[in-house]
C-alpha cells in the first residue's frame, strides 16, 4: 500500500505563487509514476503534471510555463511549483501514484491518491 499526503495549498491572489508537496510512504515508488491532478467544483478531474521514475516530467498545456513539477526519488516526494496563478487554477489538487502504462494523463491509471489540498486564487 502507498499513502500519499499533500500539503501547501492555500488562498492567494492572482499572480502569486504556491508550492505543493506530496509525500509518499508505505513502499518504494520505484517504477511508479507520480502525478498531480486537480478538480474544480462541477468539473472532471484534470491532469496537471506527472513525473516518471526516470525523471521524465510532463506538464499539461494549460499550465505549461507557469507550473513546474519535480520529484525526489530518494525522499519519495514530489513537488508542484505554481507561479503566476490565475483564477481558473482554483481547485482541489490531488497527488497520485501508479504503475502507469501509456499516457500519464488518465486518472484511472493511478492506483493511489492523496486526500487533496485546496488551492484558491481570488482577488
Protein backbone atom coordinates (compact mmCIF):
# COMPACT_ATOMS: atom_id res chain seq x y z
CA UNK A 1 0.00 0.00 0.00
CA UNK A 2 1.04 3.56 -0.68
CA UNK A 3 -0.07 6.55 1.36
CA UNK A 4 0.13 10.00 -0.19
CA UNK A 5 -0.14 13.23 1.74
CA UNK A 6 -0.34 16.63 0.05
CA UNK A 7 0.49 19.94 1.64
CA UNK A 8 1.00 23.55 0.65
CA UNK A 9 -2.41 24.67 -0.55
CA UNK A 10 -3.97 27.97 0.40
CA UNK A 11 -5.62 31.21 -0.62
CA UNK A 12 -3.64 33.55 -2.83
CA UNK A 13 -4.21 36.45 -5.18
CA UNK A 14 -3.84 36.22 -8.95
CA UNK A 15 -0.21 36.33 -9.99
CA UNK A 16 1.05 34.81 -6.75
CA UNK A 17 2.92 31.54 -6.29
CA UNK A 18 2.33 28.40 -4.28
CA UNK A 19 4.34 25.26 -3.82
CA UNK A 20 2.56 21.97 -3.28
CA UNK A 21 4.30 18.93 -1.85
CA UNK A 22 3.37 15.27 -1.88
CA UNK A 23 4.97 12.82 0.50
CA UNK A 24 4.64 9.12 -0.18
CA UNK A 25 5.06 6.32 2.31
CA UNK A 26 4.40 2.61 2.57
CA UNK A 27 6.74 1.36 -0.12
CA UNK A 28 9.29 2.46 -2.64
CA UNK A 29 7.82 4.15 -5.69
CA UNK A 30 10.37 2.58 -7.99
CA UNK A 31 8.80 2.40 -11.47
CA UNK A 32 5.75 4.31 -10.29
CA UNK A 33 4.55 7.45 -11.99
CA UNK A 34 3.71 10.28 -9.61
CA UNK A 35 1.18 12.77 -10.82
CA UNK A 36 -0.76 15.88 -9.93
CA UNK A 37 -4.40 16.29 -10.83
CA UNK A 38 -6.93 18.95 -9.94
CA UNK A 39 -10.66 19.13 -9.71
CA UNK A 40 -12.75 22.28 -9.64
CA UNK A 41 -16.38 22.25 -8.46
CA UNK A 42 -18.64 20.73 -11.09
CA UNK A 43 -15.75 19.72 -13.33
CA UNK A 44 -13.95 16.48 -14.11
CA UNK A 45 -10.61 15.66 -12.57
CA UNK A 46 -7.93 17.23 -14.76
CA UNK A 47 -4.32 16.24 -15.38
CA UNK A 48 -1.76 18.82 -14.28
CA UNK A 49 1.66 17.15 -14.27
CA UNK A 50 3.39 13.81 -13.91
CA UNK A 51 6.88 12.51 -13.33
CA UNK A 52 8.25 9.08 -14.10
CA UNK A 53 10.89 7.34 -12.00
CA UNK A 54 13.40 8.10 -14.76
CA UNK A 55 12.86 11.81 -14.25
CA UNK A 56 10.81 12.42 -17.37
CA UNK A 57 8.24 15.04 -16.50
CA UNK A 58 5.07 16.08 -18.28
CA UNK A 59 3.01 19.19 -17.74
CA UNK A 60 -0.45 20.00 -19.08
CA UNK A 61 -0.64 22.62 -21.80
CA UNK A 62 -2.96 24.70 -19.64
CA UNK A 63 -0.23 25.26 -17.05
CA UNK A 64 2.91 24.96 -19.14
CA UNK A 65 5.31 27.80 -18.48
CA UNK A 66 3.71 28.51 -15.10
CA UNK A 67 3.85 25.20 -13.23
CA UNK A 68 6.92 23.06 -12.67
CA UNK A 69 6.87 19.52 -11.32
CA UNK A 70 9.84 17.85 -9.72
CA UNK A 71 10.44 14.57 -7.96
CA UNK A 72 12.92 13.30 -5.38
CA UNK A 73 13.11 9.53 -5.62
CA UNK A 74 15.34 9.21 -2.55
CA UNK A 75 12.77 11.01 -0.41
CA UNK A 76 9.66 9.65 -2.12
CA UNK A 77 8.37 13.16 -2.65
CA UNK A 78 7.04 15.24 -5.49
CA UNK A 79 6.51 18.98 -5.63
CA UNK A 80 4.48 21.27 -7.83
CA UNK A 81 5.73 24.83 -8.08
CA UNK A 82 2.89 27.03 -9.25
CA UNK A 83 3.71 30.53 -10.44
CA UNK A 84 1.58 33.27 -11.99
CA UNK A 85 -1.54 31.71 -10.59
CA UNK A 86 -4.83 32.52 -12.26
CA UNK A 87 -8.41 32.47 -11.07
CA UNK A 88 -9.03 29.35 -13.13
CA UNK A 89 -6.34 27.45 -11.22
CA UNK A 90 -8.70 27.29 -8.26
CA UNK A 91 -9.33 23.62 -7.46
CA UNK A 92 -8.56 20.78 -5.12
CA UNK A 93 -5.17 19.43 -6.10
CA UNK A 94 -4.51 15.72 -5.72
CA UNK A 95 -1.30 13.75 -5.71
CA UNK A 96 -1.46 10.33 -7.32
CA UNK A 97 0.83 7.37 -7.89
CA UNK A 98 0.65 4.26 -10.00
CA UNK A 99 2.37 1.90 -12.40
CA UNK A 100 1.16 3.78 -15.44
CA UNK A 101 1.48 2.21 -18.85
CA UNK A 102 0.80 4.59 -21.67
CA UNK A 103 -0.50 8.07 -21.13
CA UNK A 104 0.10 9.69 -17.75
CA UNK A 105 -2.89 11.95 -18.24
CA UNK A 106 -5.59 9.38 -17.46
CA UNK A 107 -6.53 9.46 -13.77
CA UNK A 108 -7.92 5.93 -13.98
CA UNK A 109 -4.39 4.61 -14.45
CA UNK A 110 -3.33 5.70 -10.99
CA UNK A 111 -3.81 3.33 -8.09
CA UNK A 112 -3.17 5.59 -5.13
CA UNK A 113 -4.47 9.05 -4.29
CA UNK A 114 -3.94 11.61 -1.59
CA UNK A 115 -6.75 13.40 0.19
CA UNK A 116 -6.23 16.60 -1.78
CA UNK A 117 -5.28 20.14 -0.88
CA UNK A 118 -7.34 23.21 -1.70
CA UNK A 119 -5.85 25.95 -3.85
CA UNK A 120 -7.94 29.10 -4.12
CA UNK A 121 -6.94 32.01 -6.32
CA UNK A 122 -9.06 35.05 -5.62
CA UNK A 123 -8.75 38.79 -5.75
